[in-house]
Protein backbone atom coordinates (compact mmCIF):
# COMPACT_ATOMS: atom_id res chain seq x y z
CA MET A 1 6.76 -2.76 -16.03
CA ALA A 2 6.10 -4.82 -13.16
CA ASP A 3 4.74 -7.81 -15.91
CA ARG A 4 8.26 -7.67 -17.45
CA SER A 5 10.53 -7.53 -14.30
CA THR A 6 9.55 -10.59 -12.73
CA SER A 7 11.42 -11.44 -10.22
CA ILE A 8 14.29 -13.94 -10.05
CA PHE A 9 13.91 -14.50 -6.72
CA ALA A 10 10.61 -14.71 -6.96
CA SER A 11 10.46 -16.79 -9.70
CA LEU A 12 12.25 -18.78 -7.25
CA CYS A 13 9.30 -18.71 -4.78
CA ILE A 14 7.82 -20.63 -7.64
CA LEU A 15 10.12 -23.17 -9.32
CA LEU A 16 12.64 -23.01 -6.96
CA CYS A 17 14.53 -21.01 -8.62
CA LEU A 18 15.42 -17.66 -7.53
CA ALA A 19 14.72 -14.76 -10.08
CA LEU A 20 15.42 -11.01 -9.79
CA ILE A 21 12.84 -8.43 -10.21
CA GLY A 22 13.83 -5.17 -12.17
CA CYS A 23 15.77 -6.74 -14.82
CA ASN A 24 15.85 -3.71 -16.92
CA LYS A 25 12.52 -3.68 -19.30
CA GLY A 26 13.54 -0.59 -21.42
CA GLY A 27 16.45 1.22 -21.85
CA GLU A 28 18.28 1.84 -25.02
CA ASN A 29 19.13 -1.54 -26.20
CA SER A 30 18.71 -5.15 -24.83
CA PRO A 31 19.54 -7.18 -21.62
CA PRO A 32 23.12 -8.18 -20.21
CA HIS A 33 25.19 -11.17 -19.61
CA GLU A 34 26.59 -13.34 -16.55
CA ALA A 35 29.95 -14.00 -14.63
CA THR A 36 32.39 -16.57 -13.64
CA GLY A 37 33.86 -18.06 -10.54
CA ASP A 38 36.90 -19.47 -9.25
CA GLY A 39 37.12 -21.90 -11.67
CA GLN A 40 36.91 -25.39 -9.58
CA GLY A 41 33.50 -24.12 -8.85
CA ASN A 42 33.66 -22.11 -5.46
CA ASN A 43 33.88 -18.72 -4.63
CA PRO A 44 36.86 -17.07 -3.06
CA SER A 45 35.77 -16.64 0.48
CA VAL A 46 33.66 -13.50 1.27
CA ALA A 47 34.97 -10.44 3.80
CA GLY A 48 32.13 -9.95 6.21
CA GLY A 49 30.06 -13.47 5.16
CA GLY A 50 33.13 -15.79 6.39
CA GLY A 51 35.52 -15.38 4.13
CA GLN A 52 39.40 -14.12 3.68
CA GLU A 53 40.59 -11.01 1.75
CA GLY A 54 44.29 -10.26 0.83
CA SER A 55 44.60 -13.89 -1.07
CA GLN A 56 45.54 -11.53 -4.33
CA PRO A 57 47.84 -8.55 -4.91
CA LYS A 58 46.85 -5.03 -4.04
CA THR A 59 46.72 -4.29 -7.48
CA ASP A 60 45.55 -7.05 -9.97
CA PRO A 61 44.27 -6.34 -13.57
CA SER A 62 42.27 -9.54 -13.47
CA ARG A 63 40.52 -8.79 -10.13
CA PRO A 64 39.97 -4.94 -9.98
CA VAL A 65 38.06 -3.59 -7.17
CA VAL A 66 35.28 -1.21 -6.87
CA LEU A 67 33.27 0.56 -4.38
CA ILE A 68 29.82 0.91 -3.63
CA GLU A 69 28.98 3.45 -1.24
CA THR A 70 25.24 3.62 -0.35
CA SER A 71 23.46 5.99 2.06
CA LEU A 72 23.48 2.97 4.85
CA GLY A 73 27.64 2.43 4.35
CA ASN A 74 30.37 1.27 2.22
CA ILE A 75 30.65 -2.16 0.09
CA THR A 76 34.14 -3.04 -1.38
CA VAL A 77 33.77 -5.48 -3.96
CA ARG A 78 36.38 -7.36 -5.87
CA LEU A 79 35.69 -8.42 -9.11
CA ASP A 80 37.08 -11.39 -11.27
CA LYS A 81 37.71 -10.47 -14.86
CA GLU A 82 39.59 -13.84 -15.07
CA LYS A 83 36.11 -15.71 -15.19
CA ALA A 84 33.60 -12.96 -16.03
CA PRO A 85 35.70 -10.92 -18.19
CA LEU A 86 32.90 -9.53 -20.56
CA THR A 87 30.28 -9.39 -17.38
CA VAL A 88 33.44 -7.26 -15.89
CA ASP A 89 33.95 -4.78 -18.75
CA ASN A 90 30.33 -4.22 -18.47
CA PHE A 91 29.83 -3.43 -15.55
CA LEU A 92 32.62 -1.02 -15.48
CA GLY A 93 31.71 0.90 -18.44
CA TYR A 94 28.67 1.75 -16.37
CA VAL A 95 30.63 2.25 -13.48
CA ASP A 96 33.11 4.81 -15.68
CA ALA A 97 29.50 6.63 -17.21
CA SER A 98 28.52 7.39 -13.75
CA HIS A 99 25.36 5.48 -14.47
CA TYR A 100 24.98 4.07 -10.91
CA ASP A 101 24.96 7.59 -9.14
CA GLN A 102 21.68 8.20 -7.44
CA THR A 103 20.28 4.84 -8.05
CA ILE A 104 18.61 2.83 -5.83
CA ILE A 105 18.54 -0.54 -4.41
CA HIS A 106 14.87 -1.19 -5.69
CA GLN A 107 14.12 -4.99 -3.91
CA VAL A 108 14.61 -6.72 -1.22
CA TYR A 109 14.45 -10.23 -0.61
CA LYS A 110 14.59 -10.88 2.63
CA ASP A 111 17.37 -13.50 3.40
CA GLN A 112 18.17 -14.30 -0.20
CA GLY A 113 19.20 -11.19 -2.40
CA ILE A 114 19.28 -7.54 -2.74
CA VAL A 115 18.76 -5.74 -6.32
CA GLY A 116 19.88 -2.58 -7.63
CA GLY A 117 21.80 -0.07 -10.84
CA GLY A 118 18.62 0.16 -12.79
CA TYR A 119 16.56 3.04 -10.93
CA ASP A 120 16.78 6.42 -10.15
CA VAL A 121 15.70 7.69 -6.73
CA LYS A 122 12.63 8.95 -8.48
CA MET A 123 12.11 5.01 -9.42
CA ARG A 124 12.12 6.23 -13.34
CA GLU A 125 14.23 3.34 -15.01
CA LYS A 126 17.43 4.60 -16.43
CA ALA A 127 18.55 3.75 -20.59
CA THR A 128 20.84 0.88 -20.75
CA ARG A 129 23.67 -0.82 -23.49
CA THR A 130 23.09 -3.53 -25.46
CA PRO A 131 22.42 -6.64 -23.45
CA ILE A 132 25.92 -8.83 -22.81
CA LEU A 133 26.01 -12.88 -23.05
CA ASN A 134 25.91 -14.64 -20.02
CA GLU A 135 29.01 -16.10 -18.27
CA ALA A 136 26.89 -17.79 -16.06
CA ARG A 137 28.68 -21.07 -17.09
CA ASN A 138 32.25 -19.30 -15.52
CA GLY A 139 32.15 -21.60 -12.50
CA LEU A 140 31.19 -19.00 -9.94
CA LYS A 141 28.53 -19.84 -7.38
CA ASN A 142 25.67 -17.95 -6.49
CA LEU A 143 27.30 -17.98 -2.79
CA ARG A 144 26.99 -15.09 -0.01
CA GLY A 145 28.26 -12.25 -0.76
CA THR A 146 28.75 -12.31 -4.37
CA ILE A 147 27.61 -10.54 -6.37
CA SER A 148 25.91 -11.45 -9.89
CA MET A 149 23.99 -10.26 -12.78
CA VAL A 150 20.10 -9.91 -13.32
CA ARG A 151 18.76 -10.88 -16.85
CA TYR A 152 15.08 -11.83 -17.49
CA PRO A 153 13.79 -15.56 -16.46
CA ASP A 154 13.33 -16.47 -20.03
CA ALA A 155 16.35 -14.93 -22.16
CA ILE A 156 19.47 -15.97 -21.06
CA ASP A 157 21.49 -13.25 -22.51
CA SER A 158 19.43 -10.12 -21.49
CA ALA A 159 21.77 -8.48 -18.75
CA THR A 160 22.73 -4.96 -18.98
CA CYS A 161 22.94 -2.70 -15.93
CA GLN A 162 21.04 -4.18 -12.95
CA PHE A 163 22.95 -6.80 -10.66
CA PHE A 164 21.94 -8.40 -7.30
CA ILE A 165 24.33 -9.30 -4.53
CA ASN A 166 23.63 -12.34 -2.46
CA VAL A 167 22.54 -12.43 1.11
CA SER A 168 22.77 -16.23 1.02
CA ASP A 169 23.70 -19.53 -0.99
CA ASN A 170 21.21 -19.61 -3.76
CA PRO A 171 21.95 -22.85 -5.58
CA ALA A 172 19.22 -22.36 -7.58
CA LEU A 173 20.88 -19.41 -9.44
CA ASP A 174 23.54 -21.07 -10.88
CA TYR A 175 24.20 -22.75 -14.29
CA LYS A 176 22.80 -26.43 -14.92
CA ASP A 177 21.89 -26.62 -18.32
CA GLY A 178 21.30 -24.72 -21.95
CA THR A 179 17.55 -23.35 -21.23
CA PRO A 180 16.61 -20.15 -19.87
CA GLU A 181 14.93 -21.64 -16.56
CA GLY A 182 18.86 -23.95 -16.34
CA TYR A 183 21.49 -21.60 -17.30
CA GLY A 184 22.13 -19.48 -14.29
CA TYR A 185 22.81 -15.84 -13.39
CA CYS A 186 26.14 -14.57 -14.06
CA VAL A 187 28.58 -14.06 -10.75
CA PHE A 188 31.10 -12.00 -11.05
CA GLY A 189 32.73 -10.89 -8.09
CA GLU A 190 32.37 -11.13 -4.53
CA ILE A 191 32.09 -8.36 -1.36
CA VAL A 192 35.95 -8.22 0.25
CA GLU A 193 34.22 -5.98 2.92
CA GLY A 194 30.65 -4.08 3.66
CA MET A 195 28.85 -6.93 3.70
CA ASP A 196 27.25 -5.78 7.72
CA VAL A 197 25.98 -3.16 4.97
CA VAL A 198 24.43 -5.63 3.11
CA ASP A 199 23.05 -7.43 5.81
CA GLN A 200 21.49 -3.86 7.03
CA ILE A 201 20.07 -3.56 3.55
CA ASN A 202 18.57 -7.06 3.54
CA ALA A 203 16.83 -6.07 7.18
CA ALA A 204 15.22 -2.82 6.03
CA PRO A 205 11.71 -2.19 6.77
CA LEU A 206 9.45 -3.25 3.02
CA HIS A 207 6.51 -2.30 1.09
CA ASP A 208 4.92 -2.98 -1.68
CA THR A 209 4.62 -0.07 -4.45
CA ALA A 210 2.85 0.27 -7.89
CA GLU A 211 6.10 -0.23 -9.73
CA PHE A 212 7.99 -2.73 -7.08
CA GLU A 213 7.04 -5.58 -4.46
CA ARG A 214 9.44 -5.92 -1.55
CA THR A 215 11.33 -2.13 -1.87
CA PRO A 216 12.21 -0.30 1.03
CA VAL A 217 10.07 1.74 2.76
CA GLU A 218 13.03 4.83 2.47
CA PRO A 219 14.85 4.36 -0.47
CA ILE A 220 18.21 2.78 -0.26
CA VAL A 221 20.30 4.96 -2.44
CA ILE A 222 23.69 4.12 -4.35
CA LYS A 223 25.29 7.48 -4.09
CA THR A 224 27.95 6.47 -6.83
CA ILE A 225 30.14 2.94 -7.63
CA ARG A 226 34.03 3.96 -8.17
CA LEU A 227 36.80 1.67 -9.24
CA LEU A 228 39.63 1.77 -6.34
CA ARG A 229 42.40 -0.29 -8.10
């Protein structure tokens, strides 16, 4: 499946436009959607990546908070249901179904992004639901510390369960126009704690395998993702 999983970041190297590998090729249904930003083209600041936490109330239905437990530590993510409602609901549906339990970070694009959520510890692709509508036009930007949906570079509405975390600012992945190449990748949340864990994953030794390029030598496991509030 490496052919169809041609990565966002790999394509980015070719087109100056990041594209993530491993965009669920198989699965039960089709690809997923994208998410949104803060409404003014800027993402809220990211804790651990240069921002502040606490501007939102502890409990806010439009800003659900999830905990990503990995073998290298925990990452807390605040989702933006106001800007990316379809994407957040889709992601939380996978969370509720325990889809992410014992999956892996299957690709790391050094200083660009880390990709996970689609493969188990034996490198088997997990079944997915119907792809979602891409919400990349929501104004949110692919800035360091944001979380976005993986999709096929040639199919706008093809995101399912896989996601990536931006390790740096990646403007080439933002919405530009209505073409598959320019539509962008949907941002649907930001890290509020645990950016140091993301940086640790970014620094992991990598190698190429039959399935993927740039995959961690020692598997980095997503133990679970659960809703905190």
